[in-house]
Amino acid sequence: MAQAGVSANRLELLQIAEAVAREKSIDRQVVISAMEDAIQKAAKSRYGSENEIRAEVDPKTGEIRLARLLEVVEDVTMEATQISLKEARARNPAAQVGDFIAEELPPLDFGRVAAQNAKQVIVQKVRDAERERQYDEYKDRVGEIVNGIVKRVEYGNVIVDLGRAEAIVRRDETLPRENFRYGDRIRAYVYDVRREQRGPQIFLSRTHPEFMAKLFAQEVPEVYEGIVTIKSVARDPGSRAKIAVVSRDASIDPVGACVGMRGSRVQAVVNELQGEKIDIIQWSPDAATFIVNGLAPAEVVKVVLDEDAERIEVVVPDAQLSLAIGRKGQNVRLASQLTGWDIDIMTEASESERRQAEFAERSATFMEALDVDEVIAQLLASEGFSSVEEVAFVEPSEIASIEGFDENTAAEIQTRAREHLEKLEAELDAKRKALGVADALQEIPGVTTAMLVAFGEHNIRTVEDLGDCATDDLAGWSERKDKEKETIRHDGILDGFGLPRAQIEELILAARAKAGWIEEIVPVEEPVEGEDVADANTDIQEADTSGASAS
């Protein structure tokens, strides 16, 4: 290309630049600049690389001008690139030190090697410009659906021709049992665009949850217009998916809008996703309702939420257990991904067995700790008391109101409960000291002796040790494996103490403040509702006045 350009007349040179710019969808001036660079490189090899040579192609006439730049200096040390002030002023009386004088060079006759080098320079510059254009065009299109034609398939990765760029659908981003051949049309979701050494890489996906959301936006006008909002999507690509929708307009049913007349809208999405079954679910701001909806088609009898741990226990009829769990746990796994909650499913029978076991365990605890018979222990457990601490510190009237109890019985039971707790506290404190846990840890608000023992068993013995902990170390954390599609729970040191993450974070911050690593955080008191603002302003003014007099 370059060899033809440099040997062509001026008009042909501009025609070549125009053709290349049109073919590669880049600016014509970029091609002309590439030609100038190529001519400069060839001229340097002809006149010597130590020379500072500039080539210029006139964009209107195609005329090529070569010039050597000489810097004006007082004393010349490099004749190839410098000129004395005296000689420079002979050529240009206005020349000053630091200026450059252009010395015109004769036209250049390219040899075979120079022409080949010039061609490489032009090709590289044009390729770089094309890559930059592709990146600028697609970097803002992340999150869109694009259509393309399969160009080739390499080791399961599909290379897609988008018309003005190339993209890739990696093997793990295609649907199972989905085969593409050269020339097939493909629709996919742009989830990443990166600038890489070999040019911009446009990554497409057909398994991404947002791909399904965008397909519904194309098929359902209400979603496209924002009347119906897709809150979340969970997919087992190629098999099954759940999508949660909600409507801003009370007169529009979001599920019905997405299903369409006789299922026409959802069927269009299913066909694009190779028959992937889709459950469309009504979203609800109430977590329990949303989770019950998410487990459809299974029926739910009862739910028990643990909001701090974002965990929920769901009770279903015995006959509905397999339906709620789904094949290989698919239904409950997708519901968990959709709602963001960890879901435990149990049958009514197993839940009843668990309740009876818990009742028996609480009764046994009360019998041993309070030294009472089985009847009294069962009465306490059936009234909802779950621990000895509750019995010890509840209002005496609550125990006395139990059928068959009186005030004297209540007082005796509470006395025994407190004595048991004091004995237990002494045993734990002795164990804490044996583990070498410092007394200073006891001074941190919210830390109990049982927690100190747990700290000691995990080599946390000083305030500094506690301050050095991360929240996950104490509270534990959940990790969701993409491939296995399951959540793995990692236990924390304070598991079993029932502390929310926020309270555990406060413990760590208090330890860091006590260690002197950070300033102690003093909670700001909220103004009392109904307090006179004028009185508050007066207080501030008085404080300012006293401050001024003190200074």
Protein backbone atom coordinates (compact mmCIF):
# COMPACT_ATOMS: atom_id res chain seq x y z
CA MET A 1 0.00 0.00 0.00
CA ALA A 2 2.73 2.45 1.03
CA GLN A 3 4.92 1.48 -1.92
CA ALA A 4 2.06 2.26 -4.28
CA GLY A 5 1.41 5.52 -2.41
CA VAL A 6 4.98 6.83 -2.54
CA SER A 7 5.36 5.97 -6.18
CA ALA A 8 2.01 7.39 -7.21
CA ASN A 9 1.41 10.94 -8.17
CA ARG A 10 0.09 13.42 -5.65
CA LEU A 11 -3.58 12.89 -6.49
CA GLU A 12 -3.30 9.10 -6.13
CA LEU A 13 -1.71 9.58 -2.70
CA LEU A 14 -4.78 11.43 -1.44
CA GLN A 15 -7.11 8.88 -3.04
CA ILE A 16 -5.30 6.07 -1.22
CA ALA A 17 -5.62 7.96 2.11
CA GLU A 18 -9.33 8.50 1.44
CA ALA A 19 -9.93 4.81 0.62
CA VAL A 20 -8.08 3.51 3.68
CA ALA A 21 -9.89 5.95 6.00
CA ARG A 22 -13.26 4.87 4.58
CA GLU A 23 -12.46 1.14 4.80
CA LYS A 24 -11.20 1.28 8.39
CA SER A 25 -13.75 3.88 9.58
CA ILE A 26 -11.08 6.25 10.84
CA ASP A 27 -10.27 9.91 10.20
CA ARG A 28 -8.57 10.70 6.87
CA GLN A 29 -6.06 12.93 8.68
CA VAL A 30 -4.92 9.91 10.73
CA VAL A 31 -3.95 8.09 7.51
CA ILE A 32 -2.13 11.17 6.18
CA SER A 33 -0.25 11.48 9.51
CA ALA A 34 0.74 7.80 9.21
CA MET A 35 2.07 8.50 5.70
CA GLU A 36 4.06 11.47 7.04
CA ASP A 37 5.60 9.27 9.74
CA ALA A 38 6.49 6.64 7.15
CA ILE A 39 8.14 9.22 4.88
CA GLN A 40 10.05 10.66 7.86
CA LYS A 41 11.36 7.20 8.75
CA ALA A 42 12.47 6.57 5.16
CA ALA A 43 14.10 10.02 4.97
CA LYS A 44 16.04 9.41 8.22
CA SER A 45 17.42 6.16 6.84
CA ARG A 46 18.48 8.04 3.70
CA TYR A 47 19.96 11.20 5.29
CA GLY A 48 21.05 9.73 8.62
CA SER A 49 19.10 8.96 11.80
CA GLU A 50 20.92 11.72 13.69
CA ASN A 51 19.03 14.34 11.66
CA GLU A 52 15.73 15.80 12.90
CA ILE A 53 13.58 15.47 9.76
CA ARG A 54 9.95 16.45 9.29
CA ALA A 55 7.74 15.36 6.40
CA GLU A 56 4.52 17.09 5.49
CA VAL A 57 1.83 15.96 3.07
CA ASP A 58 -0.48 18.71 1.87
CA PRO A 59 -4.02 17.35 2.50
CA LYS A 60 -5.38 19.35 -0.50
CA THR A 61 -2.75 18.84 -3.19
CA GLY A 62 -0.89 15.75 -1.98
CA GLU A 63 2.47 17.52 -2.30
CA ILE A 64 5.23 16.06 -0.09
CA ARG A 65 7.68 18.48 1.56
CA LEU A 66 10.77 17.37 3.45
CA ALA A 67 12.72 19.60 5.82
CA ARG A 68 15.56 19.21 8.31
CA LEU A 69 15.07 21.08 11.60
CA LEU A 70 18.10 22.88 13.07
CA GLU A 71 18.05 24.35 16.59
CA VAL A 72 19.54 27.85 16.96
CA VAL A 73 22.35 27.84 19.60
CA GLU A 74 25.29 30.03 20.63
CA ASP A 75 27.90 27.28 20.23
CA VAL A 76 27.30 24.40 17.82
CA THR A 77 28.12 20.97 19.29
CA MET A 78 25.98 18.80 16.93
CA GLU A 79 26.18 19.97 13.31
CA ALA A 80 23.42 17.58 12.23
CA THR A 81 20.78 19.18 14.50
CA GLN A 82 22.14 22.64 15.47
CA ILE A 83 23.00 25.94 13.76
CA SER A 84 24.82 28.96 15.13
CA LEU A 85 22.93 32.19 15.83
CA LYS A 86 25.04 34.02 13.23
CA GLU A 87 24.22 31.58 10.41
CA ALA A 88 20.58 31.46 11.45
CA ARG A 89 20.26 35.24 11.29
CA ALA A 90 21.79 35.18 7.82
CA ARG A 91 18.77 33.11 6.77
CA ASN A 92 16.23 34.75 9.06
CA PRO A 93 17.14 38.08 10.72
CA ALA A 94 14.50 37.51 13.45
CA ALA A 95 16.03 34.19 14.62
CA GLN A 96 16.66 33.79 18.38
CA VAL A 97 18.46 31.17 20.47
CA GLY A 98 16.09 28.22 20.95
CA ASP A 99 14.23 28.72 17.65
CA PHE A 100 14.26 26.12 14.89
CA ILE A 101 15.29 26.76 11.28
CA ALA A 102 13.77 24.51 8.61
CA GLU A 103 16.21 23.52 5.90
CA GLU A 104 14.38 22.17 2.86
CA LEU A 105 15.54 18.79 1.52
CA PRO A 106 15.24 17.50 -2.06
CA PRO A 107 12.46 14.99 -2.90
CA LEU A 108 13.25 11.47 -1.86
CA ASP A 109 13.45 8.42 -4.14
CA PHE A 110 12.38 5.41 -2.13
CA GLY A 111 14.29 2.17 -2.48
CA ARG A 112 12.68 -1.24 -1.99
CA VAL A 113 13.70 -1.56 1.68
CA ALA A 114 12.65 2.00 2.53
CA ALA A 115 9.28 1.47 0.84
CA GLN A 116 8.73 -1.77 2.79
CA ASN A 117 9.56 -0.03 6.09
CA ALA A 118 7.24 2.83 5.19
CA LYS A 119 4.46 0.34 4.50
CA GLN A 120 4.91 -1.28 7.92
CA VAL A 121 4.74 2.10 9.65
CA ILE A 122 1.53 3.03 7.84
CA VAL A 123 -0.11 -0.34 8.51
CA GLN A 124 0.78 -0.16 12.24
CA LYS A 125 -0.43 3.44 12.63
CA VAL A 126 -3.69 2.67 10.85
CA ARG A 127 -4.21 -0.46 13.00
CA ASP A 128 -3.60 1.53 16.21
CA ALA A 129 -6.07 4.20 15.09
CA GLU A 130 -8.64 1.52 14.23
CA ARG A 131 -8.26 -0.08 17.68
CA GLU A 132 -8.63 3.27 19.42
CA ARG A 133 -11.77 3.96 17.39
CA GLN A 134 -13.24 0.57 18.36
CA TYR A 135 -12.51 1.11 22.05
CA ASP A 136 -14.03 4.63 22.05
CA GLU A 137 -17.11 3.31 20.26
CA TYR A 138 -17.80 0.31 22.52
CA LYS A 139 -16.55 1.42 25.97
CA ASP A 140 -19.85 3.21 26.57
CA ARG A 141 -21.94 0.30 25.26
CA VAL A 142 -21.34 -2.01 28.23
CA GLY A 143 -24.76 -3.25 29.34
CA GLU A 144 -26.25 -3.29 25.84
CA ILE A 145 -27.33 -6.19 23.62
CA VAL A 146 -25.52 -6.38 20.27
CA ASN A 147 -26.11 -8.46 17.15
CA GLY A 148 -23.31 -9.99 15.13
CA ILE A 149 -22.25 -12.78 12.80
CA VAL A 150 -20.05 -15.68 13.87
CA LYS A 151 -16.65 -15.22 12.23
CA ARG A 152 -14.94 -18.31 13.64
CA VAL A 153 -14.96 -20.68 16.63
CA GLU A 154 -11.69 -21.32 18.49
CA TYR A 155 -11.63 -23.98 21.24
CA GLY A 156 -15.27 -23.27 22.09
CA ASN A 157 -14.77 -19.48 22.11
CA VAL A 158 -16.94 -17.72 19.54
CA ILE A 159 -15.40 -14.78 17.64
CA VAL A 160 -18.19 -12.42 16.53
CA ASP A 161 -18.06 -9.83 13.76
CA LEU A 162 -20.03 -6.79 14.92
CA GLY A 163 -19.51 -4.93 11.65
CA ARG A 164 -17.11 -2.28 12.91
CA ALA A 165 -15.36 -4.43 15.50
CA GLU A 166 -14.66 -7.97 16.65
CA ALA A 167 -15.94 -9.43 19.94
CA ILE A 168 -15.58 -12.72 21.77
CA VAL A 169 -18.06 -14.96 23.55
CA ARG A 170 -15.98 -17.22 25.78
CA ARG A 171 -16.98 -20.85 26.14
CA ASP A 172 -18.26 -20.37 29.72
CA GLU A 173 -20.43 -17.46 28.55
CA THR A 174 -22.37 -19.56 26.02
CA LEU A 175 -25.42 -21.65 26.88
CA PRO A 176 -24.95 -25.41 27.40
CA ARG A 177 -25.42 -27.53 24.27
CA GLU A 178 -25.30 -24.37 22.18
CA ASN A 179 -23.22 -24.74 18.99
CA PHE A 180 -22.35 -21.93 16.61
CA ARG A 181 -20.92 -22.18 13.11
CA TYR A 182 -19.42 -19.71 10.69
CA GLY A 183 -22.05 -17.30 9.40
CA ASP A 184 -24.60 -17.86 12.21
CA ARG A 185 -26.30 -14.76 13.58
CA ILE A 186 -25.80 -14.26 17.32
CA ARG A 187 -27.28 -11.92 19.92
CA ALA A 188 -25.36 -11.32 23.17
CA TYR A 189 -24.81 -8.93 26.08
CA VAL A 190 -21.75 -6.64 26.25
CA TYR A 191 -20.46 -7.09 29.81
CA ASP A 192 -16.89 -5.77 29.49
CA VAL A 193 -14.68 -3.75 27.14
CA ARG A 194 -10.97 -3.63 27.88
CA ARG A 195 -7.99 -1.89 26.36
CA GLU A 196 -5.43 -4.62 25.74
CA GLN A 197 -2.05 -4.81 24.03
CA ARG A 198 -3.44 -6.39 20.90
CA GLY A 199 -6.35 -3.98 20.74
CA PRO A 200 -9.67 -3.53 22.51
CA GLN A 201 -11.29 -6.76 23.69
CA ILE A 202 -15.09 -6.72 23.63
CA PHE A 203 -16.48 -9.50 25.83
CA LEU A 204 -19.98 -10.80 25.20
CA SER A 205 -22.17 -13.12 27.27
CA ARG A 206 -25.32 -15.16 26.78
CA THR A 207 -25.37 -16.46 30.37
CA HIS A 208 -25.26 -13.13 32.21
CA PRO A 209 -28.43 -12.40 34.27
CA GLU A 210 -28.65 -8.93 32.73
CA PHE A 211 -28.87 -10.51 29.25
CA MET A 212 -32.28 -11.88 30.21
CA ALA A 213 -33.33 -8.52 31.71
CA LYS A 214 -32.37 -6.72 28.48
CA LEU A 215 -34.24 -9.30 26.37
CA PHE A 216 -37.39 -8.60 28.38
CA ALA A 217 -36.83 -4.87 27.86
CA GLN A 218 -36.81 -5.52 24.10
CA GLU A 219 -39.91 -7.72 24.16
CA VAL A 220 -42.03 -5.95 26.82
CA PRO A 221 -42.86 -2.27 26.14
CA GLU A 222 -43.77 -1.70 29.81
CA VAL A 223 -40.26 -2.72 30.88
CA TYR A 224 -38.64 -0.58 28.18
CA GLU A 225 -40.71 2.45 29.24
CA GLY A 226 -39.91 1.91 32.95
CA ILE A 227 -43.49 1.21 34.06
CA VAL A 228 -42.48 -2.34 35.01
CA THR A 229 -39.10 -2.68 36.73
CA ILE A 230 -37.00 -5.84 36.82
CA LYS A 231 -35.68 -5.98 40.40
CA SER A 232 -33.46 -9.05 40.18
CA VAL A 233 -32.65 -12.03 37.97
CA ALA A 234 -31.28 -15.46 38.90
CA ARG A 235 -30.28 -17.92 36.19
CA ASP A 236 -29.15 -21.47 35.78
CA PRO A 237 -28.17 -20.82 32.13
CA GLY A 238 -29.89 -23.05 29.60
CA SER A 239 -32.05 -24.75 32.25
CA ARG A 240 -34.14 -22.43 34.43
CA ALA A 241 -34.36 -18.83 35.59
CA LYS A 242 -36.33 -16.66 38.00
CA ILE A 243 -37.03 -12.98 37.41
CA ALA A 244 -38.61 -10.59 39.95
CA VAL A 245 -40.73 -7.73 38.61
CA VAL A 246 -42.74 -4.87 40.09
CA SER A 247 -45.03 -2.26 38.56
CA ARG A 248 -45.11 1.47 39.30
CA ASP A 249 -48.68 1.61 37.95
CA ALA A 250 -51.23 -0.19 40.14
CA SER A 251 -53.42 -0.84 37.09
CA ILE A 252 -50.72 -2.89 35.34
CA ASP A 253 -49.95 -6.45 36.41
CA PRO A 254 -46.15 -6.79 36.06
CA VAL A 255 -46.22 -10.59 35.75
CA GLY A 256 -48.98 -10.50 33.12
CA ALA A 257 -47.17 -7.78 31.16
CA CYS A 258 -44.02 -9.92 30.97
CA VAL A 259 -45.91 -13.09 30.07
CA GLY A 260 -47.90 -11.41 27.29
CA MET A 261 -50.95 -12.60 25.39
CA ARG A 262 -50.91 -16.41 25.52
CA GLY A 263 -47.30 -16.24 26.68
CA SER A 264 -46.07 -14.61 23.47
CA ARG A 265 -43.62 -12.20 25.14
CA VAL A 266 -41.97 -14.66 27.51
CA GLN A 267 -41.89 -17.29 24.76
CA ALA A 268 -39.80 -14.98 22.57
CA VAL A 269 -37.21 -14.75 25.37
CA VAL A 270 -37.37 -18.52 25.98
CA ASN A 271 -36.71 -19.20 22.28
CA GLU A 272 -33.67 -16.89 22.30
CA LEU A 273 -32.30 -18.72 25.37
CA GLN A 274 -32.65 -22.20 23.85
CA GLY A 275 -35.73 -23.22 25.83
CA GLU A 276 -34.61 -21.96 29.27
CA LYS A 277 -37.66 -22.13 31.57
CA ILE A 278 -38.48 -18.78 33.20
CA ASP A 279 -40.45 -18.18 36.43
CA ILE A 280 -41.75 -14.59 36.54
CA ILE A 281 -42.29 -13.54 40.16
CA GLN A 282 -44.00 -10.56 41.77
CA TRP A 283 -41.42 -8.60 43.78
CA SER A 284 -42.41 -7.39 47.26
CA PRO A 285 -40.67 -5.01 49.69
CA ASP A 286 -41.56 -7.49 52.45
CA ALA A 287 -38.73 -10.05 52.52
CA ALA A 288 -40.92 -12.95 53.72
CA THR A 289 -43.54 -12.39 51.00
CA PHE A 290 -40.86 -12.04 48.33
CA ILE A 291 -39.14 -15.27 49.40
CA VAL A 292 -42.45 -17.15 49.45
CA ASN A 293 -43.13 -15.88 45.91
CA GLY A 294 -39.59 -16.81 44.87
CA LEU A 295 -40.06 -20.45 45.93
CA ALA A 296 -43.05 -20.87 43.58
CA PRO A 297 -44.46 -23.25 42.46
CA ALA A 298 -43.97 -24.75 45.96
CA GLU A 299 -46.45 -23.80 48.71
CA VAL A 300 -45.08 -22.37 51.97
CA VAL A 301 -46.75 -22.94 55.36
CA LYS A 302 -44.54 -20.79 57.61
CA VAL A 303 -41.40 -18.66 57.50
CA VAL A 304 -38.98 -17.60 60.25
CA LEU A 305 -36.61 -14.72 59.41
CA ASP A 306 -33.23 -13.90 60.89
CA GLU A 307 -32.73 -10.40 59.47
CA ASP A 308 -29.26 -9.88 60.95
CA ALA A 309 -27.85 -12.96 59.23
CA GLU A 310 -30.15 -12.55 56.17
CA ARG A 311 -31.24 -16.13 56.67
CA ILE A 312 -34.75 -17.57 56.54
CA GLU A 313 -36.28 -20.89 57.54
CA VAL A 314 -39.14 -22.00 55.31
CA VAL A 315 -41.61 -24.70 56.34
CA VAL A 316 -43.42 -26.54 53.54
CA PRO A 317 -45.88 -29.48 53.54
CA ASP A 318 -44.20 -32.89 53.47
CA ALA A 319 -45.45 -33.55 49.93
CA GLN A 320 -44.03 -30.21 48.69
CA LEU A 321 -40.45 -30.70 49.89
CA SER A 322 -39.00 -32.05 46.63
CA LEU A 323 -40.84 -29.39 44.63
CA ALA A 324 -39.51 -26.58 46.88
CA ILE A 325 -35.94 -27.85 46.68
CA GLY A 326 -36.11 -28.64 42.97
CA ARG A 327 -33.95 -30.93 40.88
CA LYS A 328 -30.45 -30.93 42.37
CA GLY A 329 -31.52 -28.05 44.62
CA GLN A 330 -32.16 -25.78 41.64
CA ASN A 331 -35.40 -24.14 42.82
CA VAL A 332 -34.18 -23.15 46.29
CA ARG A 333 -30.77 -22.11 44.90
CA LEU A 334 -32.34 -19.76 42.33
CA ALA A 335 -34.74 -18.36 44.95
CA SER A 336 -31.75 -17.67 47.22
CA GLN A 337 -29.87 -15.88 44.42
CA LEU A 338 -33.00 -13.91 43.46
CA THR A 339 -33.77 -12.68 46.99
CA GLY A 340 -30.24 -12.44 48.40
CA TRP A 341 -31.25 -14.51 51.44
CA ASP A 342 -29.92 -17.88 52.58
CA ILE A 343 -32.91 -20.24 52.62
CA ASP A 344 -33.29 -23.36 54.79
CA ILE A 345 -36.21 -25.58 53.82
CA MET A 346 -37.83 -28.10 56.14
CA THR A 347 -41.07 -30.06 56.24
CA GLU A 348 -43.83 -29.61 58.80
CA ALA A 349 -42.89 -32.96 60.35
CA SER A 350 -39.20 -32.09 60.70
CA GLU A 351 -40.07 -28.65 62.04
CA SER A 352 -42.36 -30.23 64.63
CA GLU A 353 -39.61 -32.65 65.62
CA ARG A 354 -37.15 -29.79 65.95
CA ARG A 355 -39.57 -27.80 68.13
CA GLN A 356 -40.07 -30.80 70.38
CA ALA A 357 -36.30 -31.34 70.60
CA GLU A 358 -35.75 -27.67 71.47
CA PHE A 359 -38.54 -27.88 74.10
CA ALA A 360 -36.96 -30.98 75.64
CA GLU A 361 -33.51 -29.35 75.59
CA ARG A 362 -34.79 -26.17 77.32
CA SER A 363 -36.67 -28.23 79.89
CA ALA A 364 -33.53 -30.25 80.64
CA THR A 365 -31.49 -27.03 80.98
CA PHE A 366 -34.00 -25.57 83.48
CA MET A 367 -34.13 -28.84 85.47
CA GLU A 368 -30.35 -28.89 85.84
CA ALA A 369 -29.70 -25.16 86.34
CA LEU A 370 -32.65 -24.38 88.64
CA ASP A 371 -32.81 -27.75 90.42
CA VAL A 372 -36.56 -28.11 89.73
CA ASP A 373 -38.69 -31.06 88.69
CA GLU A 374 -39.71 -31.81 85.09
CA VAL A 375 -43.21 -30.31 85.42
CA ILE A 376 -41.93 -26.85 86.49
CA ALA A 377 -39.17 -26.92 83.84
CA GLN A 378 -41.71 -27.75 81.11
CA LEU A 379 -44.05 -25.00 82.31
CA LEU A 380 -41.21 -22.45 82.01
CA ALA A 381 -40.28 -23.74 78.54
CA SER A 382 -43.90 -23.75 77.32
CA GLU A 383 -44.32 -20.12 78.47
CA GLY A 384 -41.58 -19.10 76.04
CA PHE A 385 -38.55 -18.85 78.34
CA SER A 386 -35.55 -19.90 76.26
CA SER A 387 -32.62 -19.35 78.64
CA VAL A 388 -31.70 -19.15 82.31
CA GLU A 389 -30.82 -15.46 81.81
CA GLU A 390 -34.42 -14.70 80.81
CA VAL A 391 -35.74 -16.44 83.93
CA ALA A 392 -33.23 -14.60 86.18
CA PHE A 393 -33.89 -11.06 85.03
CA VAL A 394 -37.51 -11.00 83.86
CA GLU A 395 -40.13 -9.22 85.97
CA PRO A 396 -41.15 -11.57 88.84
CA SER A 397 -44.81 -11.02 87.97
CA GLU A 398 -44.31 -12.79 84.62
CA ILE A 399 -43.21 -15.97 86.38
CA ALA A 400 -45.81 -15.62 89.12
CA SER A 401 -48.57 -15.35 86.49
CA ILE A 402 -47.86 -18.90 85.25
CA GLU A 403 -50.66 -21.25 86.29
CA GLY A 404 -49.76 -23.02 89.54
CA PHE A 405 -47.05 -20.49 90.48
CA ASP A 406 -47.16 -17.74 93.10
CA GLU A 407 -44.86 -14.87 94.12
CA ASN A 408 -42.84 -17.02 96.54
CA THR A 409 -42.27 -19.67 93.85
CA ALA A 410 -41.23 -16.99 91.35
CA ALA A 411 -38.78 -15.44 93.84
CA GLU A 412 -37.25 -18.85 94.64
CA ILE A 413 -36.85 -19.74 90.94
CA GLN A 414 -35.20 -16.38 90.18
CA THR A 415 -32.84 -16.76 93.16
CA ARG A 416 -31.75 -20.17 91.92
CA ALA A 417 -31.33 -18.82 88.37
CA ARG A 418 -29.08 -15.98 89.56
CA GLU A 419 -27.02 -18.31 91.73
CA HIS A 420 -26.52 -20.60 88.73
CA LEU A 421 -25.43 -17.67 86.56
CA GLU A 422 -23.00 -16.44 89.23
CA LYS A 423 -21.47 -19.92 89.49
CA LEU A 424 -21.23 -20.15 85.71
CA GLU A 425 -19.68 -16.68 85.53
CA ALA A 426 -17.02 -17.65 88.10
CA GLU A 427 -16.16 -20.81 86.13
CA LEU A 428 -15.88 -18.85 82.88
CA ASP A 429 -13.74 -16.16 84.51
CA ALA A 430 -11.36 -18.82 85.86
CA LYS A 431 -11.14 -20.32 82.38
CA ARG A 432 -10.55 -16.85 80.91
CA LYS A 433 -7.63 -16.26 83.27
CA ALA A 434 -6.21 -19.71 82.50
CA LEU A 435 -6.25 -18.83 78.79
CA GLY A 436 -4.28 -15.64 79.51
CA VAL A 437 -6.96 -13.16 78.38
CA ALA A 438 -6.15 -9.66 79.70
CA ASP A 439 -8.47 -7.93 82.20
CA ALA A 440 -8.53 -4.86 79.93
CA LEU A 441 -10.76 -6.72 77.45
CA GLN A 442 -13.49 -6.87 80.10
CA GLU A 443 -13.72 -3.08 80.02
CA ILE A 444 -14.89 -3.00 76.39
CA PRO A 445 -18.67 -2.37 76.36
CA GLY A 446 -20.68 -5.39 75.22
CA VAL A 447 -17.98 -8.01 75.89
CA THR A 448 -19.14 -10.87 78.14
CA THR A 449 -17.04 -13.41 80.03
CA ALA A 450 -18.22 -16.17 77.69
CA MET A 451 -16.99 -14.08 74.74
CA LEU A 452 -13.63 -13.60 76.49
CA VAL A 453 -13.25 -17.38 76.72
CA ALA A 454 -14.04 -17.68 73.00
CA PHE A 455 -11.41 -15.00 72.30
CA GLY A 456 -8.82 -16.86 74.38
CA GLU A 457 -9.51 -20.12 72.55
CA HIS A 458 -8.68 -18.30 69.29
CA ASN A 459 -5.49 -16.58 70.57
CA ILE A 460 -7.12 -13.16 71.10
CA ARG A 461 -5.72 -12.21 74.50
CA THR A 462 -5.21 -8.43 74.45
CA VAL A 463 -7.05 -5.30 73.38
CA GLU A 464 -4.59 -5.00 70.47
CA ASP A 465 -5.39 -8.55 69.33
CA LEU A 466 -9.11 -7.72 69.22
CA GLY A 467 -8.49 -4.40 67.46
CA ASP A 468 -6.46 -6.23 64.81
CA CYS A 469 -9.45 -8.47 63.92
CA ALA A 470 -11.65 -7.99 60.87
CA THR A 471 -15.44 -8.15 61.22
CA ASP A 472 -15.52 -11.41 59.22
CA ASP A 473 -13.10 -13.01 61.73
CA LEU A 474 -15.66 -12.58 64.50
CA ALA A 475 -18.98 -12.69 62.62
CA GLY A 476 -18.04 -15.23 59.93
CA TRP A 477 -18.94 -14.85 56.26
CA SER A 478 -20.74 -16.58 53.41
CA GLU A 479 -19.11 -17.33 50.08
CA ARG A 480 -21.04 -18.20 46.95
CA LYS A 481 -19.22 -20.46 44.50
CA ASP A 482 -20.19 -19.65 40.90
CA LYS A 483 -19.56 -23.09 39.49
CA GLU A 484 -21.18 -25.09 42.28
CA LYS A 485 -23.95 -22.46 42.64
CA GLU A 486 -24.01 -22.97 46.42
CA THR A 487 -23.28 -20.84 49.45
CA ILE A 488 -20.52 -21.92 51.83
CA ARG A 489 -20.70 -20.58 55.38
CA HIS A 490 -17.39 -19.81 57.15
CA ASP A 491 -17.81 -19.73 60.95
CA GLY A 492 -16.72 -16.72 63.02
CA ILE A 493 -15.27 -16.64 66.53
CA LEU A 494 -18.50 -15.16 67.97
CA ASP A 495 -20.87 -17.53 66.15
CA GLY A 496 -23.56 -18.65 68.57
CA PHE A 497 -23.65 -15.40 70.54
CA GLY A 498 -26.41 -13.92 68.37
CA LEU A 499 -24.63 -10.61 67.78
CA PRO A 500 -25.45 -8.63 64.61
CA ARG A 501 -22.53 -7.50 62.42
CA ALA A 502 -23.06 -3.84 63.40
CA GLN A 503 -22.53 -4.67 67.10
CA ILE A 504 -19.42 -6.73 66.31
CA GLU A 505 -18.01 -3.80 64.31
CA GLU A 506 -18.59 -1.57 67.37
CA LEU A 507 -16.64 -4.02 69.55
CA ILE A 508 -13.65 -3.89 67.18
CA LEU A 509 -13.76 -0.07 66.95
CA ALA A 510 -13.97 0.19 70.77
CA ALA A 511 -10.89 -2.07 71.06
CA ARG A 512 -8.97 0.07 68.56
CA ALA A 513 -9.94 3.22 70.45
CA LYS A 514 -8.84 1.65 73.76
CA ALA A 515 -5.53 0.62 72.14
CA GLY A 516 -5.02 4.27 71.08
CA TRP A 517 -5.09 3.53 67.35
CA ILE A 518 -8.12 5.75 66.65
CA GLU A 519 -9.98 8.46 68.51
CA GLU A 520 -12.87 7.27 70.63
CA ILE A 521 -16.16 7.76 68.81
CA VAL A 522 -18.58 9.73 70.98
CA PRO A 523 -22.20 9.19 69.89
CA VAL A 524 -24.00 12.42 69.00
CA GLU A 525 -27.14 12.83 71.07
CA GLU A 526 -30.26 13.52 69.06
CA PRO A 527 -32.09 16.71 70.12
CA VAL A 528 -35.09 16.00 72.33
CA GLU A 529 -38.30 16.20 70.32
CA GLY A 530 -40.11 19.46 71.11
CA GLU A 531 -37.06 21.15 72.59
CA ASP A 532 -37.19 24.92 72.23
CA VAL A 533 -34.78 25.95 69.46
CA ALA A 534 -34.43 29.39 71.01
CA ASP A 535 -33.23 27.80 74.27
CA ALA A 536 -30.70 25.76 72.33
CA ASN A 537 -29.42 28.88 70.55
CA THR A 538 -29.17 30.68 73.90
CA ASP A 539 -27.10 27.80 75.28
CA ILE A 540 -24.74 28.06 72.31
CA GLN A 541 -24.39 31.82 72.73
CA GLU A 542 -23.67 31.41 76.44
CA ALA A 543 -21.03 28.80 75.65
CA ASP A 544 -19.44 31.13 73.10
CA THR A 545 -19.45 34.02 75.64
CA SER A 546 -17.90 31.90 78.38
CA GLY A 547 -15.30 30.70 75.91
CA ALA A 548 -14.43 34.25 74.95
CA SER A 549 -14.11 35.40 78.59
CA ALA A 550 -11.96 32.40 79.41
CA SER A 551 -9.60 33.21 76.56
